[in-house]
Amino acid sequence: MSEEQLKAFLEAVKADAGLQEKLKAAGDADAVVEIAKAAGFAISAEELKKSQAEISEEELEGVAGGQIDWEWLG
């Protein structure tokens, strides 16, 4: 996964209520990876967890209005 893929995925989530709903229902990082893959983004659970610490709170708040529980990533 590249940082660009993750950022592009987050931007797509901000603009797509359907993706937001799917992420709210995601139970773990693997589910997020599958949602991203279905949307055309190449990210891995390991890299998602690693990069989660690098994503700013502001970026996370922008995704689904801060409604996604990202705690299960860490």
PDB file of N, CA and C in Angstrom:
ATOM      1  N   MET A   1       0.839  -1.179   0.000  1.00  0.00           N
ATOM      2  CA  MET A   1       0.000   0.000   0.000  1.00  0.00           C
ATOM      3  C   MET A   1       0.870   1.223   0.000  1.00  0.00           C
ATOM      4  N   SER A   2       0.461   2.172  -0.726  1.00  0.00           N
ATOM      5  CA  SER A   2       1.183   3.427  -0.697  1.00  0.00           C
ATOM      6  C   SER A   2       0.386   4.446   0.106  1.00  0.00           C
ATOM      7  N   GLU A   3       1.088   5.429   0.587  1.00  0.00           N
ATOM      8  CA  GLU A   3       0.428   6.505   1.324  1.00  0.00           C
ATOM      9  C   GLU A   3      -0.608   7.177   0.429  1.00  0.00           C
ATOM     10  N   GLU A   4      -0.295   7.271  -0.856  1.00  0.00           N
ATOM     11  CA  GLU A   4      -1.217   7.894  -1.796  1.00  0.00           C
ATOM     12  C   GLU A   4      -2.528   7.106  -1.885  1.00  0.00           C
ATOM     13  N   GLN A   5      -2.429   5.775  -1.873  1.00  0.00           N
ATOM     14  CA  GLN A   5      -3.627   4.942  -1.927  1.00  0.00           C
ATOM     15  C   GLN A   5      -4.497   5.174  -0.702  1.00  0.00           C
ATOM     16  N   LEU A   6      -3.875   5.237   0.470  1.00  0.00           N
ATOM     17  CA  LEU A   6      -4.631   5.460   1.699  1.00  0.00           C
ATOM     18  C   LEU A   6      -5.295   6.825   1.673  1.00  0.00           C
ATOM     19  N   LYS A   7      -4.548   7.852   1.285  1.00  0.00           N
ATOM     20  CA  LYS A   7      -5.126   9.199   1.227  1.00  0.00           C
ATOM     21  C   LYS A   7      -6.260   9.257   0.209  1.00  0.00           C
ATOM     22  N   ALA A   8      -6.072   8.612  -0.923  1.00  0.00           N
ATOM     23  CA  ALA A   8      -7.121   8.590  -1.943  1.00  0.00           C
ATOM     24  C   ALA A   8      -8.362   7.876  -1.413  1.00  0.00           C
ATOM     25  N   PHE A   9      -8.160   6.795  -0.670  1.00  0.00           N
ATOM     26  CA  PHE A   9      -9.282   6.072  -0.087  1.00  0.00           C
ATOM     27  C   PHE A   9     -10.025   6.954   0.909  1.00  0.00           C
ATOM     28  N   LEU A  10      -9.288   7.656   1.765  1.00  0.00           N
ATOM     29  CA  LEU A  10      -9.926   8.541   2.741  1.00  0.00           C
ATOM     30  C   LEU A  10     -10.717   9.646   2.050  1.00  0.00           C
ATOM     31  N   GLU A  11     -10.179  10.178   0.978  1.00  0.00           N
ATOM     32  CA  GLU A  11     -10.892  11.206   0.221  1.00  0.00           C
ATOM     33  C   GLU A  11     -12.173  10.625  -0.382  1.00  0.00           C
ATOM     34  N   ALA A  12     -12.085   9.406  -0.896  1.00  0.00           N
ATOM     35  CA  ALA A  12     -13.260   8.759  -1.468  1.00  0.00           C
ATOM     36  C   ALA A  12     -14.321   8.544  -0.392  1.00  0.00           C
ATOM     37  N   VAL A  13     -13.895   8.164   0.803  1.00  0.00           N
ATOM     38  CA  VAL A  13     -14.830   7.937   1.903  1.00  0.00           C
ATOM     39  C   VAL A  13     -15.536   9.240   2.283  1.00  0.00           C
ATOM     40  N   LYS A  14     -14.778  10.330   2.312  1.00  0.00           N
ATOM     41  CA  LYS A  14     -15.379  11.626   2.655  1.00  0.00           C
ATOM     42  C   LYS A  14     -16.513  11.978   1.698  1.00  0.00           C
ATOM     43  N   ALA A  15     -16.363  11.593   0.438  1.00  0.00           N
ATOM     44  CA  ALA A  15     -17.315  11.980  -0.593  1.00  0.00           C
ATOM     45  C   ALA A  15     -18.421  10.947  -0.825  1.00  0.00           C
ATOM     46  N   ASP A  16     -18.357   9.803  -0.173  1.00  0.00           N
ATOM     47  CA  ASP A  16     -19.276   8.712  -0.486  1.00  0.00           C
ATOM     48  C   ASP A  16     -19.962   8.188   0.780  1.00  0.00           C
ATOM     49  N   ALA A  17     -21.231   8.536   0.942  1.00  0.00           N
ATOM     50  CA  ALA A  17     -21.980   8.109   2.124  1.00  0.00           C
ATOM     51  C   ALA A  17     -22.080   6.589   2.212  1.00  0.00           C
ATOM     52  N   GLY A  18     -22.110   5.922   1.061  1.00  0.00           N
ATOM     53  CA  GLY A  18     -22.177   4.463   1.064  1.00  0.00           C
ATOM     54  C   GLY A  18     -20.931   3.838   1.668  1.00  0.00           C
ATOM     55  N   LEU A  19     -19.758   4.386   1.302  1.00  0.00           N
ATOM     56  CA  LEU A  19     -18.505   3.898   1.892  1.00  0.00           C
ATOM     57  C   LEU A  19     -18.466   4.194   3.385  1.00  0.00           C
ATOM     58  N   GLN A  20     -18.968   5.348   3.775  1.00  0.00           N
ATOM     59  CA  GLN A  20     -18.996   5.709   5.193  1.00  0.00           C
ATOM     60  C   GLN A  20     -19.801   4.688   5.986  1.00  0.00           C
ATOM     61  N   GLU A  21     -20.957   4.302   5.456  1.00  0.00           N
ATOM     62  CA  GLU A  21     -21.799   3.323   6.138  1.00  0.00           C
ATOM     63  C   GLU A  21     -21.111   1.967   6.231  1.00  0.00           C
ATOM     64  N   LYS A  22     -20.447   1.563   5.159  1.00  0.00           N
ATOM     65  CA  LYS A  22     -19.730   0.289   5.175  1.00  0.00           C
ATOM     66  C   LYS A  22     -18.619   0.308   6.218  1.00  0.00           C
ATOM     67  N   LEU A  23     -17.898   1.422   6.314  1.00  0.00           N
ATOM     68  CA  LEU A  23     -16.811   1.507   7.291  1.00  0.00           C
ATOM     69  C   LEU A  23     -17.342   1.521   8.716  1.00  0.00           C
ATOM     70  N   LYS A  24     -18.485   2.129   8.932  1.00  0.00           N
ATOM     71  CA  LYS A  24     -19.075   2.126  10.271  1.00  0.00           C
ATOM     72  C   LYS A  24     -19.379   0.701  10.718  1.00  0.00           C
ATOM     73  N   ALA A  25     -19.725  -0.141   9.752  1.00  0.00           N
ATOM     74  CA  ALA A  25     -20.062  -1.535  10.066  1.00  0.00           C
ATOM     75  C   ALA A  25     -18.837  -2.445  10.098  1.00  0.00           C
ATOM     76  N   ALA A  26     -17.690  -1.947   9.657  1.00  0.00           N
ATOM     77  CA  ALA A  26     -16.476  -2.774   9.612  1.00  0.00           C
ATOM     78  C   ALA A  26     -16.058  -3.146  11.026  1.00  0.00           C
ATOM     79  N   GLY A  27     -15.762  -4.411  11.228  1.00  0.00           N
ATOM     80  CA  GLY A  27     -15.403  -4.880  12.555  1.00  0.00           C
ATOM     81  C   GLY A  27     -13.911  -4.897  12.836  1.00  0.00           C
ATOM     82  N   ASP A  28     -13.100  -4.870  11.787  1.00  0.00           N
ATOM     83  CA  ASP A  28     -11.657  -4.925  11.995  1.00  0.00           C
ATOM     84  C   ASP A  28     -10.936  -4.383  10.766  1.00  0.00           C
ATOM     85  N   ALA A  29      -9.630  -4.351  10.839  1.00  0.00           N
ATOM     86  CA  ALA A  29      -8.820  -3.809   9.749  1.00  0.00           C
ATOM     87  C   ALA A  29      -9.001  -4.618   8.466  1.00  0.00           C
ATOM     88  N   ASP A  30      -9.169  -5.938   8.591  1.00  0.00           N
ATOM     89  CA  ASP A  30      -9.363  -6.766   7.404  1.00  0.00           C
ATOM     90  C   ASP A  30     -10.644  -6.374   6.666  1.00  0.00           C
ATOM     91  N   ALA A  31     -11.679  -6.028   7.415  1.00  0.00           N
ATOM     92  CA  ALA A  31     -12.929  -5.601   6.794  1.00  0.00           C
ATOM     93  C   ALA A  31     -12.724  -4.273   6.059  1.00  0.00           C
ATOM     94  N   VAL A  32     -11.943  -3.372   6.645  1.00  0.00           N
ATOM     95  CA  VAL A  32     -11.652  -2.095   5.990  1.00  0.00           C
ATOM     96  C   VAL A  32     -10.884  -2.340   4.699  1.00  0.00           C
ATOM     97  N   VAL A  33      -9.923  -3.263   4.735  1.00  0.00           N
ATOM     98  CA  VAL A  33      -9.142  -3.593   3.544  1.00  0.00           C
ATOM     99  C   VAL A  33     -10.058  -4.112   2.440  1.00  0.00           C
ATOM    100  N   GLU A  34     -11.001  -4.963   2.786  1.00  0.00           N
ATOM    101  CA  GLU A  34     -11.923  -5.510   1.793  1.00  0.00           C
ATOM    102  C   GLU A  34     -12.813  -4.418   1.203  1.00  0.00           C
ATOM    103  N   ILE A  35     -13.263  -3.504   2.042  1.00  0.00           N
ATOM    104  CA  ILE A  35     -14.081  -2.381   1.572  1.00  0.00           C
ATOM    105  C   ILE A  35     -13.258  -1.520   0.617  1.00  0.00           C
ATOM    106  N   ALA A  36     -12.024  -1.245   0.999  1.00  0.00           N
ATOM    107  CA  ALA A  36     -11.142  -0.444   0.145  1.00  0.00           C
ATOM    108  C   ALA A  36     -10.892  -1.145  -1.180  1.00  0.00           C
ATOM    109  N   LYS A  37     -10.628  -2.459  -1.116  1.00  0.00           N
ATOM    110  CA  LYS A  37     -10.358  -3.228  -2.336  1.00  0.00           C
ATOM    111  C   LYS A  37     -11.558  -3.185  -3.270  1.00  0.00           C
ATOM    112  N   ALA A  38     -12.752  -3.354  -2.725  1.00  0.00           N
ATOM    113  CA  ALA A  38     -13.965  -3.318  -3.531  1.00  0.00           C
ATOM    114  C   ALA A  38     -14.168  -1.948  -4.185  1.00  0.00           C
ATOM    115  N   ALA A  39     -13.634  -0.916  -3.525  1.00  0.00           N
ATOM    116  CA  ALA A  39     -13.747   0.443  -4.063  1.00  0.00           C
ATOM    117  C   ALA A  39     -12.600   0.788  -5.004  1.00  0.00           C
ATOM    118  N   GLY A  40     -11.670  -0.164  -5.200  1.00  0.00           N
ATOM    119  CA  GLY A  40     -10.590   0.045  -6.156  1.00  0.00           C
ATOM    120  C   GLY A  40      -9.288   0.544  -5.571  1.00  0.00           C
ATOM    121  N   PHE A  41      -9.109   0.407  -4.254  1.00  0.00           N
ATOM    122  CA  PHE A  41      -7.891   0.872  -3.592  1.00  0.00           C
ATOM    123  C   PHE A  41      -7.099  -0.323  -3.064  1.00  0.00           C
ATOM    124  N   ALA A  42      -5.781  -0.258  -3.206  1.00  0.00           N
ATOM    125  CA  ALA A  42      -4.906  -1.344  -2.771  1.00  0.00           C
ATOM    126  C   ALA A  42      -4.251  -0.973  -1.451  1.00  0.00           C
ATOM    127  N   ILE A  43      -4.852  -1.432  -0.355  1.00  0.00           N
ATOM    128  CA  ILE A  43      -4.259  -1.216   0.964  1.00  0.00           C
ATOM    129  C   ILE A  43      -4.230  -2.560   1.682  1.00  0.00           C
ATOM    130  N   SER A  44      -3.326  -2.703   2.651  1.00  0.00           N
ATOM    131  CA  SER A  44      -3.242  -3.943   3.421  1.00  0.00           C
ATOM    132  C   SER A  44      -3.563  -3.646   4.881  1.00  0.00           C
ATOM    133  N   ALA A  45      -4.017  -4.670   5.608  1.00  0.00           N
ATOM    134  CA  ALA A  45      -4.359  -4.498   7.017  1.00  0.00           C
ATOM    135  C   ALA A  45      -3.129  -4.073   7.817  1.00  0.00           C
ATOM    136  N   GLU A  46      -1.993  -4.691   7.534  1.00  0.00           N
ATOM    137  CA  GLU A  46      -0.766  -4.366   8.267  1.00  0.00           C
ATOM    138  C   GLU A  46      -0.373  -2.910   8.054  1.00  0.00           C
ATOM    139  N   GLU A  47      -0.377  -2.475   6.801  1.00  0.00           N
ATOM    140  CA  GLU A  47      -0.011  -1.098   6.504  1.00  0.00           C
ATOM    141  C   GLU A  47      -1.062  -0.118   7.014  1.00  0.00           C
ATOM    142  N   LEU A  48      -2.312  -0.525   6.990  1.00  0.00           N
ATOM    143  CA  LEU A  48      -3.376   0.330   7.511  1.00  0.00           C
ATOM    144  C   LEU A  48      -3.154   0.581   8.996  1.00  0.00           C
ATOM    145  N   LYS A  49      -2.838  -0.477   9.727  1.00  0.00           N
ATOM    146  CA  LYS A  49      -2.580  -0.332  11.158  1.00  0.00           C
ATOM    147  C   LYS A  49      -1.357   0.541  11.411  1.00  0.00           C
ATOM    148  N   LYS A  50      -0.308   0.308  10.625  1.00  0.00           N
ATOM    149  CA  LYS A  50       0.922   1.072  10.787  1.00  0.00           C
ATOM    150  C   LYS A  50       0.702   2.550  10.489  1.00  0.00           C
ATOM    151  N   SER A  51      -0.014   2.815   9.435  1.00  0.00           N
ATOM    152  CA  SER A  51      -0.197   4.204   9.020  1.00  0.00           C
ATOM    153  C   SER A  51      -1.267   4.914   9.839  1.00  0.00           C
ATOM    154  N   GLN A  52      -2.085   4.182  10.560  1.00  0.00           N
ATOM    155  CA  GLN A  52      -3.151   4.785  11.356  1.00  0.00           C
ATOM    156  C   GLN A  52      -2.589   5.822  12.320  1.00  0.00           C
ATOM    157  N   ALA A  53      -1.431   5.565  12.869  1.00  0.00           N
ATOM    158  CA  ALA A  53      -0.811   6.508  13.792  1.00  0.00           C
ATOM    159  C   ALA A  53      -0.329   7.760  13.069  1.00  0.00           C
ATOM    160  N   GLU A  54      -0.099   7.645  11.781  1.00  0.00           N
ATOM    161  CA  GLU A  54       0.401   8.769  11.006  1.00  0.00           C
ATOM    162  C   GLU A  54      -0.708   9.660  10.461  1.00  0.00           C
ATOM    163  N   ILE A  55      -1.934   9.161  10.457  1.00  0.00           N
ATOM    164  CA  ILE A  55      -3.053   9.938   9.946  1.00  0.00           C
ATOM    165  C   ILE A  55      -3.475  10.925  11.025  1.00  0.00           C
ATOM    166  N   SER A  56      -3.575  12.167  10.647  1.00  0.00           N
ATOM    167  CA  SER A  56      -3.907  13.192  11.630  1.00  0.00           C
ATOM    168  C   SER A  56      -5.340  13.027  12.125  1.00  0.00           C
ATOM    169  N   GLU A  57      -5.574  13.495  13.338  1.00  0.00           N
ATOM    170  CA  GLU A  57      -6.918  13.486  13.897  1.00  0.00           C
ATOM    171  C   GLU A  57      -7.874  14.262  12.995  1.00  0.00           C
ATOM    172  N   GLU A  58      -7.386  15.341  12.409  1.00  0.00           N
ATOM    173  CA  GLU A  58      -8.211  16.152  11.526  1.00  0.00           C
ATOM    174  C   GLU A  58      -8.683  15.328  10.333  1.00  0.00           C
ATOM    175  N   GLU A  59      -7.794  14.535   9.757  1.00  0.00           N
ATOM    176  CA  GLU A  59      -8.177  13.690   8.628  1.00  0.00           C
ATOM    177  C   GLU A  59      -9.219  12.669   9.064  1.00  0.00           C
ATOM    178  N   LEU A  60      -9.014  12.074  10.237  1.00  0.00           N
ATOM    179  CA  LEU A  60      -9.959  11.075  10.720  1.00  0.00           C
ATOM    180  C   LEU A  60     -11.310  11.703  11.014  1.00  0.00           C
ATOM    181  N   GLU A  61     -11.325  12.892  11.587  1.00  0.00           N
ATOM    182  CA  GLU A  61     -12.578  13.575  11.870  1.00  0.00           C
ATOM    183  C   GLU A  61     -13.332  13.873  10.591  1.00  0.00           C
ATOM    184  N   GLY A  62     -12.602  14.118   9.507  1.00  0.00           N
ATOM    185  CA  GLY A  62     -13.233  14.415   8.237  1.00  0.00           C
ATOM    186  C   GLY A  62     -13.897  13.220   7.599  1.00  0.00           C
ATOM    187  N   VAL A  63     -13.497  12.029   7.993  1.00  0.00           N
ATOM    188  CA  VAL A  63     -14.070  10.811   7.440  1.00  0.00           C
ATOM    189  C   VAL A  63     -15.343  10.486   8.222  1.00  0.00           C
ATOM    190  N   ALA A  64     -16.440  10.497   7.527  1.00  0.00           N
ATOM    191  CA  ALA A  64     -17.743  10.166   8.125  1.00  0.00           C
ATOM    192  C   ALA A  64     -18.056  11.041   9.323  1.00  0.00           C
ATOM    193  N   GLY A  65     -17.577  12.270   9.299  1.00  0.00           N
ATOM    194  CA  GLY A  65     -17.878  13.177  10.401  1.00  0.00           C
ATOM    195  C   GLY A  65     -17.338  12.684  11.714  1.00  0.00           C
ATOM    196  N   GLY A  66     -16.265  11.890  11.671  1.00  0.00           N
ATOM    197  CA  GLY A  66     -15.675  11.369  12.894  1.00  0.00           C
ATOM    198  C   GLY A  66     -16.444  10.213  13.498  1.00  0.00           C
ATOM    199  N   GLN A  67     -17.347   9.625  12.745  1.00  0.00           N
ATOM    200  CA  GLN A  67     -18.207   8.582  13.270  1.00  0.00           C
ATOM    201  C   GLN A  67     -17.611   7.189  13.237  1.00  0.00           C
ATOM    202  N   ILE A  68     -16.449   7.018  12.637  1.00  0.00           N
ATOM    203  CA  ILE A  68     -15.843   5.702  12.532  1.00  0.00           C
ATOM    204  C   ILE A  68     -14.982   5.431  13.763  1.00  0.00           C
ATOM    205  N   ASP A  69     -15.152   4.289  14.365  1.00  0.00           N
ATOM    206  CA  ASP A  69     -14.359   3.909  15.528  1.00  0.00           C
ATOM    207  C   ASP A  69     -13.061   3.264  15.054  1.00  0.00           C
ATOM    208  N   TRP A  70     -11.997   4.060  15.056  1.00  0.00           N
ATOM    209  CA  TRP A  70     -10.703   3.599  14.552  1.00  0.00           C
ATOM    210  C   TRP A  70      -9.891   2.880  15.628  1.00  0.00           C
ATOM    211  N   GLU A  71     -10.414   2.762  16.840  1.00  0.00           N
ATOM    212  CA  GLU A  71      -9.657   2.153  17.938  1.00  0.00           C
ATOM    213  C   GLU A  71      -9.251   0.722  17.654  1.00  0.00           C
ATOM    214  N   TRP A  72     -10.063  -0.035  16.916  1.00  0.00           N
ATOM    215  CA  TRP A  72      -9.747  -1.429  16.646  1.00  0.00           C
ATOM    216  C   TRP A  72      -8.548  -1.574  15.732  1.00  0.00           C
ATOM    217  N   LEU A  73      -8.103  -0.471  15.098  1.00  0.00           N
ATOM    218  CA  LEU A  73      -6.926  -0.558  14.244  1.00  0.00           C
ATOM    219  C   LEU A  73      -5.651  -0.647  15.070  1.00  0.00           C
ATOM    220  N   GLY A  74      -5.641  -0.073  16.221  1.00  0.00           N
ATOM    221  CA  GLY A  74      -4.421  -0.014  17.010  1.00  0.00           C
ATOM    222  C   GLY A  74      -4.405  -0.969  18.067  1.00  0.00           C
TER     223      GLY A  74
END
